[in-house]
PDB file of N, CA and C in Angstrom:
ATOM      1  N   MET A   1       0.849  -1.173   0.038  1.00  0.00           N
ATOM      2  CA  MET A   1      -0.004  -0.017  -0.022  1.00  0.00           C
ATOM      3  C   MET A   1       0.916   1.259  -0.045  1.00  0.00           C
ATOM      4  N   ASN A   2       0.631   2.153  -0.967  1.00  0.00           N
ATOM      5  CA  ASN A   2       1.489   3.335  -0.990  1.00  0.00           C
ATOM      6  C   ASN A   2       0.994   4.400   0.030  1.00  0.00           C
ATOM      7  N   TRP A   3       1.865   5.350   0.318  1.00  0.00           N
ATOM      8  CA  TRP A   3       1.588   6.336   1.342  1.00  0.00           C
ATOM      9  C   TRP A   3       0.351   7.153   1.045  1.00  0.00           C
ATOM     10  N   ASP A   4       0.066   7.475  -0.239  1.00  0.00           N
ATOM     11  CA  ASP A   4      -1.109   8.261  -0.531  1.00  0.00           C
ATOM     12  C   ASP A   4      -2.388   7.574  -0.029  1.00  0.00           C
ATOM     13  N   ARG A   5      -2.484   6.307  -0.163  1.00  0.00           N
ATOM     14  CA  ARG A   5      -3.621   5.565   0.293  1.00  0.00           C
ATOM     15  C   ARG A   5      -3.706   5.606   1.836  1.00  0.00           C
ATOM     16  N   VAL A   6      -2.599   5.436   2.468  1.00  0.00           N
ATOM     17  CA  VAL A   6      -2.509   5.489   3.939  1.00  0.00           C
ATOM     18  C   VAL A   6      -2.931   6.844   4.426  1.00  0.00           C
ATOM     19  N   GLU A   7      -2.413   7.847   3.782  1.00  0.00           N
ATOM     20  CA  GLU A   7      -2.758   9.275   4.119  1.00  0.00           C
ATOM     21  C   GLU A   7      -4.215   9.547   3.900  1.00  0.00           C
ATOM     22  N   GLY A   8      -4.807   9.077   2.840  1.00  0.00           N
ATOM     23  CA  GLY A   8      -6.212   9.259   2.540  1.00  0.00           C
ATOM     24  C   GLY A   8      -7.128   8.561   3.560  1.00  0.00           C
ATOM     25  N   GLN A   9      -6.667   7.479   4.099  1.00  0.00           N
ATOM     26  CA  GLN A   9      -7.542   6.702   5.012  1.00  0.00           C
ATOM     27  C   GLN A   9      -7.126   6.958   6.490  1.00  0.00           C
ATOM     28  N   TRP A  10      -6.205   7.865   6.734  1.00  0.00           N
ATOM     29  CA  TRP A  10      -5.727   8.041   8.066  1.00  0.00           C
ATOM     30  C   TRP A  10      -6.825   8.399   9.095  1.00  0.00           C
ATOM     31  N   LYS A  11      -7.730   9.324   8.705  1.00  0.00           N
ATOM     32  CA  LYS A  11      -8.759   9.769   9.617  1.00  0.00           C
ATOM     33  C   LYS A  11      -9.606   8.545  10.072  1.00  0.00           C
ATOM     34  N   GLN A  12      -9.972   7.741   9.154  1.00  0.00           N
ATOM     35  CA  GLN A  12     -10.786   6.571   9.475  1.00  0.00           C
ATOM     36  C   GLN A  12      -9.990   5.518  10.289  1.00  0.00           C
ATOM     37  N   ARG A  13      -8.713   5.402  10.123  1.00  0.00           N
ATOM     38  CA  ARG A  13      -7.922   4.336  10.756  1.00  0.00           C
ATOM     39  C   ARG A  13      -7.152   4.786  12.008  1.00  0.00           C
ATOM     40  N   ARG A  14      -7.040   6.042  12.229  1.00  0.00           N
ATOM     41  CA  ARG A  14      -6.155   6.435  13.320  1.00  0.00           C
ATOM     42  C   ARG A  14      -6.671   6.022  14.716  1.00  0.00           C
ATOM     43  N   GLY A  15      -7.984   5.923  14.857  1.00  0.00           N
ATOM     44  CA  GLY A  15      -8.494   5.508  16.144  1.00  0.00           C
ATOM     45  C   GLY A  15      -8.051   4.072  16.458  1.00  0.00           C
ATOM     46  N   LYS A  16      -8.132   3.206  15.436  1.00  0.00           N
ATOM     47  CA  LYS A  16      -7.735   1.793  15.635  1.00  0.00           C
ATOM     48  C   LYS A  16      -6.173   1.688  15.881  1.00  0.00           C
ATOM     49  N   VAL A  17      -5.468   2.540  15.168  1.00  0.00           N
ATOM     50  CA  VAL A  17      -3.974   2.528  15.288  1.00  0.00           C
ATOM     51  C   VAL A  17      -3.621   3.012  16.697  1.00  0.00           C
ATOM     52  N   ALA A  18      -4.259   4.035  17.131  1.00  0.00           N
ATOM     53  CA  ALA A  18      -3.970   4.567  18.537  1.00  0.00           C
ATOM     54  C   ALA A  18      -4.349   3.506  19.588  1.00  0.00           C
ATOM     55  N   HIS A  19      -5.465   2.872  19.373  1.00  0.00           N
ATOM     56  CA  HIS A  19      -5.905   1.829  20.361  1.00  0.00           C
ATOM     57  C   HIS A  19      -4.911   0.692  20.366  1.00  0.00           C
ATOM     58  N   HIS A  20      -4.486   0.186  19.216  1.00  0.00           N
ATOM     59  CA  HIS A  20      -3.577  -0.832  19.117  1.00  0.00           C
ATOM     60  C   HIS A  20      -2.246  -0.513  19.718  1.00  0.00           C
ATOM     61  N   TRP A  21      -1.605   0.564  19.300  1.00  0.00           N
ATOM     62  CA  TRP A  21      -0.279   0.913  19.854  1.00  0.00           C
ATOM     63  C   TRP A  21      -0.357   1.334  21.274  1.00  0.00           C
ATOM     64  N   GLY A  22      -1.461   2.050  21.676  1.00  0.00           N
ATOM     65  CA  GLY A  22      -1.601   2.390  23.082  1.00  0.00           C
ATOM     66  C   GLY A  22      -1.614   1.189  24.018  1.00  0.00           C
ATOM     67  N   LYS A  23      -2.319   0.171  23.630  1.00  0.00           N
ATOM     68  CA  LYS A  23      -2.395  -1.076  24.432  1.00  0.00           C
ATOM     69  C   LYS A  23      -1.005  -1.658  24.537  1.00  0.00           C
ATOM     70  N   LEU A  24      -0.260  -1.689  23.460  1.00  0.00           N
ATOM     71  CA  LEU A  24       1.073  -2.259  23.374  1.00  0.00           C
ATOM     72  C   LEU A  24       1.943  -1.471  24.372  1.00  0.00           C
ATOM     73  N   MET A  25       1.888  -0.147  24.278  1.00  0.00           N
ATOM     74  CA  MET A  25       2.698   0.733  25.150  1.00  0.00           C
ATOM     75  C   MET A  25       2.337   0.523  26.610  1.00  0.00           C
ATOM     76  N   ASN A  26       1.060   0.439  26.928  1.00  0.00           N
ATOM     77  CA  ASN A  26       0.594   0.222  28.297  1.00  0.00           C
ATOM     78  C   ASN A  26       1.197  -1.112  28.826  1.00  0.00           C
ATOM     79  N   ASP A  27       1.077  -2.165  28.029  1.00  0.00           N
ATOM     80  CA  ASP A  27       1.646  -3.444  28.432  1.00  0.00           C
ATOM     81  C   ASP A  27       3.149  -3.321  28.646  1.00  0.00           C
ATOM     82  N   GLU A  28       3.810  -2.630  27.778  1.00  0.00           N
ATOM     83  CA  GLU A  28       5.261  -2.492  27.950  1.00  0.00           C
ATOM     84  C   GLU A  28       5.597  -1.682  29.215  1.00  0.00           C
ATOM     85  N   LEU A  29       4.830  -0.608  29.411  1.00  0.00           N
ATOM     86  CA  LEU A  29       5.064   0.193  30.627  1.00  0.00           C
ATOM     87  C   LEU A  29       4.876  -0.577  31.888  1.00  0.00           C
ATOM     88  N   ALA A  30       3.878  -1.456  31.843  1.00  0.00           N
ATOM     89  CA  ALA A  30       3.661  -2.321  33.010  1.00  0.00           C
ATOM     90  C   ALA A  30       4.803  -3.331  33.229  1.00  0.00           C
ATOM     91  N   ALA A  31       5.386  -3.767  32.117  1.00  0.00           N
ATOM     92  CA  ALA A  31       6.533  -4.702  32.219  1.00  0.00           C
ATOM     93  C   ALA A  31       7.807  -3.991  32.667  1.00  0.00           C
ATOM     94  N   ILE A  32       7.929  -2.744  32.305  1.00  0.00           N
ATOM     95  CA  ILE A  32       9.091  -2.000  32.701  1.00  0.00           C
ATOM     96  C   ILE A  32       9.111  -1.720  34.217  1.00  0.00           C
ATOM     97  N   SER A  33       7.961  -1.523  34.793  1.00  0.00           N
ATOM     98  CA  SER A  33       7.826  -1.290  36.231  1.00  0.00           C
ATOM     99  C   SER A  33       8.761  -0.143  36.781  1.00  0.00           C
ATOM    100  N   GLY A  34       8.906   0.907  36.019  1.00  0.00           N
ATOM    101  CA  GLY A  34       9.690   2.019  36.492  1.00  0.00           C
ATOM    102  C   GLY A  34      11.208   1.836  36.450  1.00  0.00           C
ATOM    103  N   LYS A  35      11.697   0.786  35.854  1.00  0.00           N
ATOM    104  CA  LYS A  35      13.157   0.517  35.758  1.00  0.00           C
ATOM    105  C   LYS A  35      13.711   1.392  34.650  1.00  0.00           C
ATOM    106  N   TYR A  36      14.708   2.247  34.999  1.00  0.00           N
ATOM    107  CA  TYR A  36      15.322   3.170  34.049  1.00  0.00           C
ATOM    108  C   TYR A  36      15.920   2.476  32.875  1.00  0.00           C
ATOM    109  N   GLU A  37      16.810   1.529  33.133  1.00  0.00           N
ATOM    110  CA  GLU A  37      17.521   0.835  32.023  1.00  0.00           C
ATOM    111  C   GLU A  37      16.531   0.078  31.195  1.00  0.00           C
ATOM    112  N   GLU A  38      15.557  -0.497  31.753  1.00  0.00           N
ATOM    113  CA  GLU A  38      14.484  -1.219  30.947  1.00  0.00           C
ATOM    114  C   GLU A  38      13.786  -0.224  30.059  1.00  0.00           C
ATOM    115  N   LEU A  39      13.425   0.927  30.566  1.00  0.00           N
ATOM    116  CA  LEU A  39      12.776   1.947  29.731  1.00  0.00           C
ATOM    117  C   LEU A  39      13.699   2.408  28.612  1.00  0.00           C
ATOM    118  N   VAL A  40      14.907   2.659  28.890  1.00  0.00           N
ATOM    119  CA  VAL A  40      15.893   3.102  27.859  1.00  0.00           C
ATOM    120  C   VAL A  40      15.964   2.030  26.814  1.00  0.00           C
ATOM    121  N   GLY A  41      16.036   0.772  27.172  1.00  0.00           N
ATOM    122  CA  GLY A  41      16.170  -0.360  26.267  1.00  0.00           C
ATOM    123  C   GLY A  41      14.925  -0.470  25.401  1.00  0.00           C
ATOM    124  N   ARG A  42      13.745  -0.324  25.999  1.00  0.00           N
ATOM    125  CA  ARG A  42      12.480  -0.375  25.243  1.00  0.00           C
ATOM    126  C   ARG A  42      12.414   0.779  24.203  1.00  0.00           C
ATOM    127  N   LEU A  43      12.859   1.967  24.614  1.00  0.00           N
ATOM    128  CA  LEU A  43      12.841   3.105  23.665  1.00  0.00           C
ATOM    129  C   LEU A  43      13.740   2.817  22.464  1.00  0.00           C
ATOM    130  N   GLN A  44      14.965   2.298  22.785  1.00  0.00           N
ATOM    131  CA  GLN A  44      15.913   1.948  21.723  1.00  0.00           C
ATOM    132  C   GLN A  44      15.284   0.965  20.761  1.00  0.00           C
ATOM    133  N   GLU A  45      14.729  -0.089  21.334  1.00  0.00           N
ATOM    134  CA  GLU A  45      14.123  -1.174  20.515  1.00  0.00           C
ATOM    135  C   GLU A  45      12.931  -0.648  19.719  1.00  0.00           C
ATOM    136  N   ASN A  46      11.988   0.000  20.310  1.00  0.00           N
ATOM    137  CA  ASN A  46      10.777   0.437  19.645  1.00  0.00           C
ATOM    138  C   ASN A  46      10.938   1.555  18.627  1.00  0.00           C
ATOM    139  N   PHE A  47      11.867   2.458  18.896  1.00  0.00           N
ATOM    140  CA  PHE A  47      12.013   3.630  18.072  1.00  0.00           C
ATOM    141  C   PHE A  47      13.318   3.649  17.263  1.00  0.00           C
ATOM    142  N   GLY A  48      14.127   2.568  17.420  1.00  0.00           N
ATOM    143  CA  GLY A  48      15.363   2.477  16.588  1.00  0.00           C
ATOM    144  C   GLY A  48      16.341   3.657  16.908  1.00  0.00           C
ATOM    145  N   ILE A  49      16.511   3.987  18.137  1.00  0.00           N
ATOM    146  CA  ILE A  49      17.392   5.113  18.440  1.00  0.00           C
ATOM    147  C   ILE A  49      18.569   4.607  19.265  1.00  0.00           C
ATOM    148  N   ALA A  50      19.617   5.404  19.343  1.00  0.00           N
ATOM    149  CA  ALA A  50      20.815   4.990  20.099  1.00  0.00           C
ATOM    150  C   ALA A  50      20.514   5.192  21.596  1.00  0.00           C
ATOM    151  N   LYS A  51      21.363   4.492  22.290  1.00  0.00           N
ATOM    152  CA  LYS A  51      21.237   4.437  23.817  1.00  0.00           C
ATOM    153  C   LYS A  51      21.289   5.858  24.360  1.00  0.00           C
ATOM    154  N   ASP A  52      22.236   6.668  23.844  1.00  0.00           N
ATOM    155  CA  ASP A  52      22.370   8.050  24.334  1.00  0.00           C
ATOM    156  C   ASP A  52      21.143   8.855  24.097  1.00  0.00           C
ATOM    157  N   GLU A  53      20.566   8.689  22.865  1.00  0.00           N
ATOM    158  CA  GLU A  53      19.316   9.437  22.528  1.00  0.00           C
ATOM    159  C   GLU A  53      18.185   9.011  23.451  1.00  0.00           C
ATOM    160  N   ALA A  54      18.068   7.709  23.670  1.00  0.00           N
ATOM    161  CA  ALA A  54      17.047   7.182  24.578  1.00  0.00           C
ATOM    162  C   ALA A  54      17.191   7.761  26.001  1.00  0.00           C
ATOM    163  N   ARG A  55      18.418   7.793  26.466  1.00  0.00           N
ATOM    164  CA  ARG A  55      18.660   8.393  27.818  1.00  0.00           C
ATOM    165  C   ARG A  55      18.331   9.882  27.857  1.00  0.00           C
ATOM    166  N   GLU A  56      18.667  10.551  26.797  1.00  0.00           N
ATOM    167  CA  GLU A  56      18.363  12.001  26.650  1.00  0.00           C
ATOM    168  C   GLU A  56      16.806  12.146  26.736  1.00  0.00           C
ATOM    169  N   GLN A  57      16.042  11.351  25.998  1.00  0.00           N
ATOM    170  CA  GLN A  57      14.567  11.464  25.988  1.00  0.00           C
ATOM    171  C   GLN A  57      14.020  11.182  27.360  1.00  0.00           C
ATOM    172  N   VAL A  58      14.529  10.196  28.051  1.00  0.00           N
ATOM    173  CA  VAL A  58      14.056   9.860  29.399  1.00  0.00           C
ATOM    174  C   VAL A  58      14.402  11.024  30.313  1.00  0.00           C
ATOM    175  N   GLY A  59      15.544  11.592  30.184  1.00  0.00           N
ATOM    176  CA  GLY A  59      15.903  12.785  31.015  1.00  0.00           C
ATOM    177  C   GLY A  59      15.004  13.925  30.773  1.00  0.00           C
ATOM    178  N   GLU A  60      14.683  14.213  29.495  1.00  0.00           N
ATOM    179  CA  GLU A  60      13.732  15.308  29.215  1.00  0.00           C
ATOM    180  C   GLU A  60      12.343  15.052  29.757  1.00  0.00           C
ATOM    181  N   PHE A  61      11.919  13.754  29.650  1.00  0.00           N
ATOM    182  CA  PHE A  61      10.643  13.377  30.167  1.00  0.00           C
ATOM    183  C   PHE A  61      10.608  13.615  31.715  1.00  0.00           C
ATOM    184  N   LYS A  62      11.678  13.244  32.417  1.00  0.00           N
ATOM    185  CA  LYS A  62      11.742  13.435  33.880  1.00  0.00           C
ATOM    186  C   LYS A  62      11.711  14.935  34.197  1.00  0.00           C
ATOM    187  N   LYS A  63      12.387  15.778  33.420  1.00  0.00           N
ATOM    188  CA  LYS A  63      12.420  17.218  33.614  1.00  0.00           C
ATOM    189  C   LYS A  63      11.016  17.800  33.482  1.00  0.00           C
ATOM    190  N   ASN A  64      10.286  17.305  32.466  1.00  0.00           N
ATOM    191  CA  ASN A  64       8.941  17.756  32.233  1.00  0.00           C
ATOM    192  C   ASN A  64       7.967  17.321  33.382  1.00  0.00           C
ATOM    193  N   ILE A  65       8.197  16.107  33.849  1.00  0.00           N
ATOM    194  CA  ILE A  65       7.372  15.621  34.987  1.00  0.00           C
ATOM    195  C   ILE A  65       7.623  16.533  36.200  1.00  0.00           C
ATOM    196  N   ASP A  66       8.890  16.819  36.446  1.00  0.00           N
ATOM    197  CA  ASP A  66       9.255  17.643  37.574  1.00  0.00           C
ATOM    198  C   ASP A  66       8.634  19.068  37.465  1.00  0.00           C
ATOM    199  N   LYS A  67       8.649  19.637  36.267  1.00  0.00           N
ATOM    200  CA  LYS A  67       8.061  20.908  36.040  1.00  0.00           C
ATOM    201  C   LYS A  67       6.585  20.862  36.305  1.00  0.00           C
ATOM    202  N   LEU A  68       5.906  19.789  35.856  1.00  0.00           N
ATOM    203  CA  LEU A  68       4.473  19.655  36.093  1.00  0.00           C
ATOM    204  C   LEU A  68       4.116  19.482  37.497  1.00  0.00           C
ATOM    205  N   LYS A  69       4.964  18.808  38.288  1.00  0.00           N
ATOM    206  CA  LYS A  69       4.742  18.647  39.720  1.00  0.00           C
ATOM    207  C   LYS A  69       4.811  19.982  40.403  1.00  0.00           C
ATOM    208  N   LYS A  70       5.843  20.790  40.070  1.00  0.00           N
ATOM    209  CA  LYS A  70       6.018  22.130  40.656  1.00  0.00           C
ATOM    210  C   LYS A  70       4.800  23.065  40.304  1.00  0.00           C
ATOM    211  N   SER A  71       4.421  22.964  39.027  1.00  0.00           N
ATOM    212  CA  SER A  71       3.299  23.804  38.577  1.00  0.00           C
ATOM    213  C   SER A  71       2.031  23.358  39.274  1.00  0.00           C
ATOM    214  N   ASN A  72       1.825  22.112  39.387  1.00  0.00           N
ATOM    215  CA  ASN A  72       0.655  21.595  40.095  1.00  0.00           C
ATOM    216  C   ASN A  72       0.606  21.991  41.560  1.00  0.00           C
ATOM    217  N   ALA A  73       1.776  21.912  42.236  1.00  0.00           N
ATOM    218  CA  ALA A  73       1.841  22.334  43.635  1.00  0.00           C
ATOM    219  C   ALA A  73       1.495  23.840  43.709  1.00  0.00           C
ATOM    220  N   HIS A  74       1.988  24.625  42.769  1.00  0.00           N
ATOM    221  CA  HIS A  74       1.666  26.052  42.774  1.00  0.00           C
ATOM    222  C   HIS A  74       0.153  26.329  42.589  1.00  0.00           C
ATOM    223  N   LEU A  75      -0.430  25.560  41.610  1.00  0.00           N
ATOM    224  CA  LEU A  75      -1.863  25.742  41.422  1.00  0.00           C
ATOM    225  C   LEU A  75      -2.700  25.322  42.671  1.00  0.00           C
ATOM    226  N   ILE A  76      -2.257  24.333  43.335  1.00  0.00           N
ATOM    227  CA  ILE A  76      -2.955  23.849  44.592  1.00  0.00           C
ATOM    228  C   ILE A  76      -2.880  24.907  45.609  1.00  0.00           C
ATOM    229  N   LYS A  77      -1.763  25.565  45.772  1.00  0.00           N
ATOM    230  CA  LYS A  77      -1.586  26.680  46.747  1.00  0.00           C
ATOM    231  C   LYS A  77      -2.497  27.893  46.360  1.00  0.00           C
ATOM    232  N   LEU A  78      -2.535  28.178  45.068  1.00  0.00           N
ATOM    233  CA  LEU A  78      -3.375  29.280  44.649  1.00  0.00           C
ATOM    234  C   LEU A  78      -4.862  28.995  44.855  1.00  0.00           C
ATOM    235  N   THR A  79      -5.234  27.752  44.604  1.00  0.00           N
ATOM    236  CA  THR A  79      -6.626  27.342  44.812  1.00  0.00           C
ATOM    237  C   THR A  79      -7.007  27.452  46.234  1.00  0.00           C
ATOM    238  N   LYS A  80      -6.134  26.966  47.133  1.00  0.00           N
ATOM    239  CA  LYS A  80      -6.422  27.067  48.572  1.00  0.00           C
ATOM    240  C   LYS A  80      -6.486  28.491  49.029  1.00  0.00           C
ATOM    241  N   SER A  81      -5.612  29.292  48.545  1.00  0.00           N
ATOM    242  CA  SER A  81      -5.596  30.702  48.876  1.00  0.00           C
ATOM    243  C   SER A  81      -6.863  31.373  48.398  1.00  0.00           C
ATOM    244  N   THR A  82      -7.312  31.087  47.230  1.00  0.00           N
ATOM    245  CA  THR A  82      -8.521  31.664  46.699  1.00  0.00           C
ATOM    246  C   THR A  82      -9.728  31.235  47.483  1.00  0.00           C
ATOM    247  N   LYS A  83      -9.749  29.955  47.887  1.00  0.00           N
ATOM    248  CA  LYS A  83     -10.938  29.449  48.691  1.00  0.00           C
ATOM    249  C   LYS A  83     -10.928  30.150  50.028  1.00  0.00           C
ATOM    250  N   LEU A  84      -9.814  30.323  50.667  1.00  0.00           N
ATOM    251  CA  LEU A  84      -9.735  30.963  51.952  1.00  0.00           C
ATOM    252  C   LEU A  84     -10.223  32.461  51.889  1.00  0.00           C
ATOM    253  N   LYS A  85      -9.769  33.120  50.793  1.00  0.00           N
ATOM    254  CA  LYS A  85     -10.220  34.457  50.589  1.00  0.00           C
ATOM    255  C   LYS A  85     -11.743  34.606  50.379  1.00  0.00           C
ATOM    256  N   LYS A  86     -12.278  33.605  49.604  1.00  0.00           N
ATOM    257  CA  LYS A  86     -13.733  33.647  49.388  1.00  0.00           C
ATOM    258  C   LYS A  86     -14.490  33.428  50.644  1.00  0.00           C
ATOM    259  N   ARG A  87     -13.976  32.439  51.489  1.00  0.00           N
ATOM    260  CA  ARG A  87     -14.597  32.196  52.757  1.00  0.00           C
ATOM    261  C   ARG A  87     -14.611  33.392  53.716  1.00  0.00           C
ATOM    262  N   ALA A  88     -13.444  34.066  53.696  1.00  0.00           N
ATOM    263  CA  ALA A  88     -13.295  35.241  54.543  1.00  0.00           C
ATOM    264  C   ALA A  88     -14.255  36.318  54.073  1.00  0.00           C
ATOM    265  N   SER A  89     -14.344  36.564  52.765  1.00  0.00           N
ATOM    266  CA  SER A  89     -15.228  37.588  52.239  1.00  0.00           C
ATOM    267  C   SER A  89     -16.687  37.230  52.442  1.00  0.00           C
ATOM    268  N   SER A  90     -17.000  35.980  52.370  1.00  0.00           N
ATOM    269  CA  SER A  90     -18.447  35.605  52.571  1.00  0.00           C
ATOM    270  C   SER A  90     -18.796  35.752  54.052  1.00  0.00           C
ATOM    271  N   ARG A  91     -17.896  35.536  54.997  1.00  0.00           N
ATOM    272  CA  ARG A  91     -18.134  35.695  56.409  1.00  0.00           C
ATOM    273  C   ARG A  91     -18.415  37.127  56.702  1.00  0.00           C
ATOM    274  N   HIS A  92     -17.637  38.069  56.111  1.00  0.00           N
ATOM    275  CA  HIS A  92     -17.867  39.481  56.273  1.00  0.00           C
ATOM    276  C   HIS A  92     -19.232  39.877  55.785  1.00  0.00           C
ATOM    277  N   SER A  93     -19.643  39.382  54.643  1.00  0.00           N
ATOM    278  CA  SER A  93     -20.897  39.778  54.067  1.00  0.00           C
ATOM    279  C   SER A  93     -22.039  39.209  54.830  1.00  0.00           C
ATOM    280  N   VAL A  94     -21.874  38.081  55.471  1.00  0.00           N
ATOM    281  CA  VAL A  94     -22.973  37.470  56.304  1.00  0.00           C
ATOM    282  C   VAL A  94     -23.111  38.270  57.549  1.00  0.00           C
ATOM    283  N   LYS A  95     -22.008  38.695  58.124  1.00  0.00           N
ATOM    284  CA  LYS A  95     -21.983  39.487  59.375  1.00  0.00           C
ATOM    285  C   LYS A  95     -22.684  40.822  59.152  1.00  0.00           C
ATOM    286  N   ARG A  96     -22.411  41.418  58.021  1.00  0.00           N
ATOM    287  CA  ARG A  96     -22.997  42.714  57.691  1.00  0.00           C
ATOM    288  C   ARG A  96     -24.552  42.559  57.544  1.00  0.00           C
ATOM    289  N   LYS A  97     -24.972  41.517  56.859  1.00  0.00           N
ATOM    290  CA  LYS A  97     -26.371  41.308  56.627  1.00  0.00           C
ATOM    291  C   LYS A  97     -27.127  40.940  57.952  1.00  0.00           C
ATOM    292  N   ALA A  98     -26.451  40.244  58.782  1.00  0.00           N
ATOM    293  CA  ALA A  98     -27.072  39.746  60.057  1.00  0.00           C
ATOM    294  C   ALA A  98     -27.261  40.869  61.035  1.00  0.00           C
ATOM    295  N   SER A  99     -26.399  41.835  61.082  1.00  0.00           N
ATOM    296  CA  SER A  99     -26.534  42.929  62.075  1.00  0.00           C
ATOM    297  C   SER A  99     -27.637  43.910  61.708  1.00  0.00           C
ATOM    298  N   PRO A 100     -28.490  44.193  62.710  1.00  0.00           N
ATOM    299  CA  PRO A 100     -29.598  45.152  62.455  1.00  0.00           C
ATOM    300  C   PRO A 100     -29.067  46.577  62.238  1.00  0.00           C
ATOM    301  N   ARG A 101     -29.654  47.255  61.403  1.00  0.00           N
ATOM    302  CA  ARG A 101     -29.320  48.633  61.097  1.00  0.00           C
ATOM    303  C   ARG A 101     -30.066  49.631  62.009  1.00  0.00           C
ATOM    304  N   LYS A 102     -29.243  50.556  62.465  1.00  0.00           N
ATOM    305  CA  LYS A 102     -29.873  51.654  63.314  1.00  0.00           C
ATOM    306  C   LYS A 102     -30.359  52.846  62.434  1.00  0.00           C
ATOM    307  N   LYS A 103     -31.421  53.432  62.824  1.00  0.00           N
ATOM    308  CA  LYS A 103     -31.919  54.551  62.064  1.00  0.00           C
ATOM    309  C   LYS A 103     -31.502  55.896  62.618  1.00  0.00           C
TER     310      LYS A 103
END
């Protein structure tokens, strides 16, 4: 099958391709069990890259995960801070409404 046919049918087939390769990757990730050298080896094998390139990709992946963790922690702090501010402002508005007004 030439590439023009593949390209023409890509939209119809990509769901099946993603499902097939996604399952394979999940199985492989389960087998790797977080082992660095195993991951590097699987990347070399599956993508036909050199060991140094695989290690570089794993390093970049780790950096991105670390950045996401920091960003997530920052978002959690902001969310908590915002919730506390909302609670404080709602307490003030409730107190104002509850107190009787003098004429």
